[in-house]
Amino acid sequence: MEKSLNEYLQDFAYELLYKIVNNKKYLEVKIVSTTKNILVQVKADEGDYGKIIGRQGKTIESLRTIINCVKITAFPDDCRRVMMELEEERPFVKNHEVLLGGTKDVE
C-alpha cells in the first residue's frame, strides 16, 4: 500500500530534522494541507530552533527546497506549494499578564 502525500512528506521531514536536532524526543512534525498549499509544521525543543534555522536562515531554506523537490519527484501531478513553519512555544500567561522571568501574580 502506498503512502499518501501527507504521510510521505511528514515521514521524510521528520527523518531530516531528526538528524539535525539534539533533543529528539521533543521533535514533532505535522502536515496541514489546503487546496493550494501544504504546510509542514515543526515543533522542537527551544534550544534546537537555532540549529533548524541555521545561519542567516540557510538551513531552513535548504530543508524547504529538499522537501519541495521530494514532493515534485514523488508526486509530479500535485501542483500545491510546500511551506515550512516553526511553531514556537508561547510564554506563560496568567490573568492577561505575561510573566517573563518574574513571579508576579495578578489578583
N, C-alpha and C. Protein backbone atom coordinates (compact mmCIF):
# COMPACT_ATOMS: atom_id res chain seq x y z
N MET A 1 0.83 -1.17 0.00
CA MET A 1 0.00 0.00 0.00
C MET A 1 0.89 1.26 0.00
N GLU A 2 0.61 2.18 -0.87
CA GLU A 2 1.39 3.40 -0.97
C GLU A 2 0.95 4.42 0.06
N LYS A 3 1.91 5.23 0.48
CA LYS A 3 1.61 6.30 1.43
C LYS A 3 0.98 7.47 0.71
N SER A 4 0.14 8.20 1.44
CA SER A 4 -0.41 9.43 0.88
C SER A 4 0.68 10.49 0.88
N LEU A 5 0.44 11.57 0.17
CA LEU A 5 1.40 12.67 0.08
C LEU A 5 1.71 13.22 1.47
N ASN A 6 0.69 13.42 2.28
CA ASN A 6 0.90 13.97 3.63
C ASN A 6 1.77 13.05 4.49
N GLU A 7 1.47 11.76 4.48
CA GLU A 7 2.27 10.80 5.26
C GLU A 7 3.70 10.74 4.76
N TYR A 8 3.86 10.76 3.44
CA TYR A 8 5.18 10.70 2.82
C TYR A 8 6.03 11.90 3.22
N LEU A 9 5.47 13.10 3.11
CA LEU A 9 6.21 14.31 3.46
C LEU A 9 6.47 14.40 4.96
N GLN A 10 5.51 13.98 5.77
CA GLN A 10 5.70 14.01 7.21
C GLN A 10 6.85 13.10 7.63
N ASP A 11 6.87 11.89 7.11
CA ASP A 11 7.94 10.95 7.44
C ASP A 11 9.30 11.46 6.95
N PHE A 12 9.34 11.99 5.73
CA PHE A 12 10.59 12.49 5.17
C PHE A 12 11.11 13.69 5.96
N ALA A 13 10.25 14.65 6.28
CA ALA A 13 10.65 15.83 7.04
C ALA A 13 11.13 15.43 8.44
N TYR A 14 10.43 14.48 9.05
CA TYR A 14 10.82 14.02 10.39
C TYR A 14 12.22 13.39 10.35
N GLU A 15 12.48 12.56 9.35
CA GLU A 15 13.79 11.92 9.23
C GLU A 15 14.90 12.95 9.04
N LEU A 16 14.67 13.96 8.22
CA LEU A 16 15.67 15.01 8.00
C LEU A 16 15.93 15.78 9.29
N LEU A 17 14.87 16.23 9.94
CA LEU A 17 15.01 17.03 11.14
C LEU A 17 15.57 16.23 12.32
N TYR A 18 15.27 14.94 12.36
CA TYR A 18 15.76 14.07 13.44
C TYR A 18 17.28 14.05 13.46
N LYS A 19 17.89 14.15 12.30
CA LYS A 19 19.35 14.14 12.19
C LYS A 19 19.97 15.47 12.59
N ILE A 20 19.18 16.54 12.64
CA ILE A 20 19.70 17.87 12.94
C ILE A 20 19.59 18.21 14.43
N VAL A 21 18.46 17.87 15.04
CA VAL A 21 18.19 18.32 16.41
C VAL A 21 18.95 17.49 17.45
N ASN A 22 19.18 18.11 18.61
CA ASN A 22 19.84 17.41 19.73
C ASN A 22 18.83 16.68 20.59
N ASN A 23 17.72 17.35 20.94
CA ASN A 23 16.69 16.76 21.80
C ASN A 23 15.60 16.14 20.93
N LYS A 24 15.84 14.91 20.53
CA LYS A 24 14.98 14.24 19.56
C LYS A 24 13.59 13.91 20.10
N LYS A 25 13.44 13.78 21.43
CA LYS A 25 12.14 13.41 21.98
C LYS A 25 11.12 14.54 21.88
N TYR A 26 11.57 15.78 21.68
CA TYR A 26 10.66 16.92 21.57
C TYR A 26 10.28 17.25 20.13
N LEU A 27 10.82 16.52 19.18
CA LEU A 27 10.57 16.80 17.77
C LEU A 27 9.19 16.30 17.35
N GLU A 28 8.40 17.19 16.75
CA GLU A 28 7.09 16.85 16.20
C GLU A 28 6.97 17.48 14.82
N VAL A 29 6.45 16.73 13.87
CA VAL A 29 6.21 17.24 12.52
C VAL A 29 4.77 16.95 12.18
N LYS A 30 4.05 17.99 11.75
CA LYS A 30 2.64 17.87 11.40
C LYS A 30 2.45 18.46 10.00
N ILE A 31 1.57 17.88 9.22
CA ILE A 31 1.27 18.37 7.87
C ILE A 31 -0.16 18.89 7.84
N VAL A 32 -0.32 20.10 7.32
CA VAL A 32 -1.64 20.69 7.13
C VAL A 32 -1.78 20.98 5.64
N SER A 33 -2.78 20.39 5.01
CA SER A 33 -2.98 20.56 3.57
C SER A 33 -4.19 21.42 3.28
N THR A 34 -4.03 22.29 2.29
CA THR A 34 -5.16 23.05 1.77
C THR A 34 -5.20 22.79 0.27
N THR A 35 -6.09 23.47 -0.43
CA THR A 35 -6.19 23.25 -1.87
C THR A 35 -4.99 23.84 -2.62
N LYS A 36 -4.32 24.84 -2.03
CA LYS A 36 -3.20 25.48 -2.72
C LYS A 36 -1.85 25.23 -2.08
N ASN A 37 -1.82 24.86 -0.81
CA ASN A 37 -0.56 24.74 -0.09
C ASN A 37 -0.50 23.47 0.74
N ILE A 38 0.73 23.06 1.03
CA ILE A 38 1.00 22.02 2.00
C ILE A 38 1.93 22.66 3.02
N LEU A 39 1.49 22.71 4.28
CA LEU A 39 2.25 23.35 5.33
C LEU A 39 2.88 22.29 6.22
N VAL A 40 4.19 22.32 6.34
CA VAL A 40 4.92 21.42 7.22
C VAL A 40 5.17 22.19 8.51
N GLN A 41 4.51 21.80 9.60
CA GLN A 41 4.64 22.48 10.88
C GLN A 41 5.60 21.69 11.76
N VAL A 42 6.61 22.38 12.28
CA VAL A 42 7.65 21.73 13.06
C VAL A 42 7.66 22.30 14.47
N LYS A 43 7.64 21.40 15.45
CA LYS A 43 7.84 21.77 16.86
C LYS A 43 9.08 21.03 17.33
N ALA A 44 9.94 21.75 18.06
CA ALA A 44 11.16 21.14 18.59
C ALA A 44 11.48 21.79 19.91
N ASP A 45 12.52 21.29 20.56
CA ASP A 45 12.98 21.89 21.79
C ASP A 45 13.49 23.30 21.50
N GLU A 46 13.31 24.19 22.46
CA GLU A 46 13.67 25.59 22.29
C GLU A 46 15.14 25.76 21.87
N GLY A 47 16.02 24.93 22.38
CA GLY A 47 17.44 25.02 22.05
C GLY A 47 17.77 24.56 20.65
N ASP A 48 16.87 23.85 20.00
CA ASP A 48 17.14 23.32 18.66
C ASP A 48 16.67 24.23 17.53
N TYR A 49 15.92 25.29 17.85
CA TYR A 49 15.42 26.16 16.79
C TYR A 49 16.56 26.82 16.02
N GLY A 50 17.61 27.19 16.73
CA GLY A 50 18.76 27.80 16.06
C GLY A 50 19.42 26.85 15.08
N LYS A 51 19.50 25.57 15.43
CA LYS A 51 20.09 24.58 14.52
C LYS A 51 19.20 24.37 13.29
N ILE A 52 17.89 24.39 13.50
CA ILE A 52 16.97 24.19 12.38
C ILE A 52 17.00 25.39 11.44
N ILE A 53 17.05 26.59 12.00
CA ILE A 53 17.06 27.79 11.16
C ILE A 53 18.41 27.96 10.48
N GLY A 54 19.48 27.79 11.21
CA GLY A 54 20.82 27.92 10.65
C GLY A 54 21.23 29.37 10.51
N ARG A 55 22.47 29.57 10.11
CA ARG A 55 22.98 30.93 9.92
C ARG A 55 22.29 31.59 8.75
N GLN A 56 21.74 32.75 9.02
CA GLN A 56 21.02 33.56 8.02
C GLN A 56 19.89 32.78 7.36
N GLY A 57 19.36 31.77 8.07
CA GLY A 57 18.22 31.00 7.57
C GLY A 57 18.55 30.01 6.47
N LYS A 58 19.82 29.72 6.28
CA LYS A 58 20.21 28.83 5.18
C LYS A 58 19.76 27.39 5.38
N THR A 59 19.79 26.90 6.61
CA THR A 59 19.40 25.51 6.85
C THR A 59 17.91 25.31 6.59
N ILE A 60 17.07 26.18 7.11
CA ILE A 60 15.63 26.00 6.90
C ILE A 60 15.26 26.20 5.44
N GLU A 61 15.93 27.10 4.74
CA GLU A 61 15.68 27.27 3.31
C GLU A 61 16.07 26.00 2.54
N SER A 62 17.18 25.40 2.93
CA SER A 62 17.61 24.16 2.29
C SER A 62 16.62 23.03 2.56
N LEU A 63 16.13 22.96 3.80
CA LEU A 63 15.12 21.94 4.14
C LEU A 63 13.86 22.12 3.30
N ARG A 64 13.41 23.36 3.16
CA ARG A 64 12.23 23.64 2.34
C ARG A 64 12.46 23.20 0.89
N THR A 65 13.63 23.50 0.37
CA THR A 65 13.96 23.13 -1.01
C THR A 65 13.97 21.62 -1.19
N ILE A 66 14.61 20.92 -0.26
CA ILE A 66 14.69 19.45 -0.35
C ILE A 66 13.31 18.83 -0.26
N ILE A 67 12.49 19.29 0.69
CA ILE A 67 11.14 18.73 0.84
C ILE A 67 10.30 19.02 -0.40
N ASN A 68 10.44 20.21 -0.96
CA ASN A 68 9.70 20.54 -2.19
C ASN A 68 10.15 19.66 -3.35
N CYS A 69 11.44 19.42 -3.48
CA CYS A 69 11.96 18.55 -4.55
C CYS A 69 11.45 17.12 -4.40
N VAL A 70 11.41 16.64 -3.17
CA VAL A 70 10.89 15.29 -2.92
C VAL A 70 9.43 15.20 -3.31
N LYS A 71 8.65 16.24 -2.96
CA LYS A 71 7.23 16.26 -3.33
C LYS A 71 7.06 16.25 -4.84
N ILE A 72 7.83 17.07 -5.53
CA ILE A 72 7.73 17.15 -7.00
C ILE A 72 8.14 15.83 -7.64
N THR A 73 9.16 15.18 -7.09
CA THR A 73 9.63 13.91 -7.65
C THR A 73 8.65 12.77 -7.39
N ALA A 74 8.15 12.67 -6.16
CA ALA A 74 7.28 11.56 -5.79
C ALA A 74 5.84 11.75 -6.26
N PHE A 75 5.39 13.00 -6.32
CA PHE A 75 4.01 13.31 -6.71
C PHE A 75 4.02 14.43 -7.76
N PRO A 76 4.44 14.14 -8.98
CA PRO A 76 4.59 15.19 -10.01
C PRO A 76 3.28 15.85 -10.43
N ASP A 77 2.15 15.20 -10.26
CA ASP A 77 0.87 15.78 -10.68
C ASP A 77 0.28 16.75 -9.66
N ASP A 78 0.82 16.76 -8.46
CA ASP A 78 0.33 17.64 -7.41
C ASP A 78 1.01 19.01 -7.55
N CYS A 79 0.23 20.05 -7.78
CA CYS A 79 0.80 21.38 -8.03
C CYS A 79 0.78 22.30 -6.81
N ARG A 80 0.47 21.75 -5.64
CA ARG A 80 0.46 22.57 -4.43
C ARG A 80 1.88 22.96 -4.02
N ARG A 81 1.98 24.09 -3.35
CA ARG A 81 3.24 24.63 -2.89
C ARG A 81 3.53 24.13 -1.48
N VAL A 82 4.78 23.78 -1.21
CA VAL A 82 5.17 23.31 0.12
C VAL A 82 5.80 24.45 0.90
N MET A 83 5.32 24.66 2.13
CA MET A 83 5.87 25.68 3.02
C MET A 83 6.23 25.02 4.34
N MET A 84 7.20 25.59 5.04
CA MET A 84 7.61 25.05 6.33
C MET A 84 7.49 26.15 7.39
N GLU A 85 7.00 25.77 8.56
CA GLU A 85 6.78 26.73 9.64
C GLU A 85 7.28 26.13 10.94
N LEU A 86 8.01 26.93 11.71
CA LEU A 86 8.44 26.52 13.04
C LEU A 86 7.44 27.05 14.06
N GLU A 87 6.89 26.16 14.85
CA GLU A 87 5.94 26.56 15.89
C GLU A 87 6.70 26.76 17.19
N GLU A 88 6.70 27.98 17.69
CA GLU A 88 7.40 28.28 18.93
C GLU A 88 6.41 28.28 20.08
N GLU A 89 6.92 27.90 21.25
CA GLU A 89 6.10 27.90 22.45
C GLU A 89 5.82 29.33 22.87
N ARG A 90 4.65 29.60 23.36
CA ARG A 90 4.27 30.92 23.83
C ARG A 90 4.66 31.05 25.31
N PRO A 91 4.99 32.25 25.78
CA PRO A 91 5.30 32.41 27.21
C PRO A 91 4.06 32.16 28.06
N PHE A 92 4.27 31.82 29.29
CA PHE A 92 3.20 31.52 30.22
C PHE A 92 2.36 32.78 30.47
N VAL A 93 1.06 32.66 30.33
CA VAL A 93 0.17 33.80 30.54
C VAL A 93 -0.78 33.47 31.69
N LYS A 94 -0.88 34.40 32.65
CA LYS A 94 -1.78 34.20 33.78
C LYS A 94 -2.52 35.52 34.01
N ASN A 95 -3.82 35.47 33.97
CA ASN A 95 -4.66 36.65 34.18
C ASN A 95 -4.27 37.81 33.25
N HIS A 96 -4.05 37.52 32.00
CA HIS A 96 -3.76 38.51 30.96
C HIS A 96 -2.44 39.26 31.14
N GLU A 97 -1.55 38.77 31.96
CA GLU A 97 -0.25 39.41 32.12
C GLU A 97 0.83 38.38 31.81
N VAL A 98 1.73 38.73 30.95
CA VAL A 98 2.78 37.80 30.56
C VAL A 98 3.87 37.82 31.62
N LEU A 99 4.23 36.64 32.08
CA LEU A 99 5.27 36.52 33.10
C LEU A 99 6.55 36.04 32.42
N LEU A 100 7.52 36.90 32.36
CA LEU A 100 8.81 36.54 31.77
C LEU A 100 9.89 36.71 32.84
N GLY A 101 10.27 35.63 33.47
CA GLY A 101 11.31 35.67 34.46
C GLY A 101 10.87 36.15 35.83
N GLY A 102 9.65 36.55 36.00
CA GLY A 102 9.16 37.04 37.29
C GLY A 102 8.14 36.10 37.87
N THR A 103 7.77 36.37 39.11
CA THR A 103 6.77 35.55 39.76
C THR A 103 5.61 36.41 40.25
N LYS A 104 5.36 37.49 39.55
CA LYS A 104 4.32 38.43 39.95
C LYS A 104 2.94 37.85 39.64
N ASP A 105 2.07 37.78 40.63
CA ASP A 105 0.69 37.33 40.42
C ASP A 105 -0.22 38.55 40.28
N VAL A 106 -1.21 38.41 39.44
CA VAL A 106 -2.20 39.46 39.26
C VAL A 106 -3.46 39.00 39.96
N GLU A 107 -4.01 39.80 40.81
CA GLU A 107 -5.21 39.45 41.57
C GLU A 107 -6.45 39.75 40.81
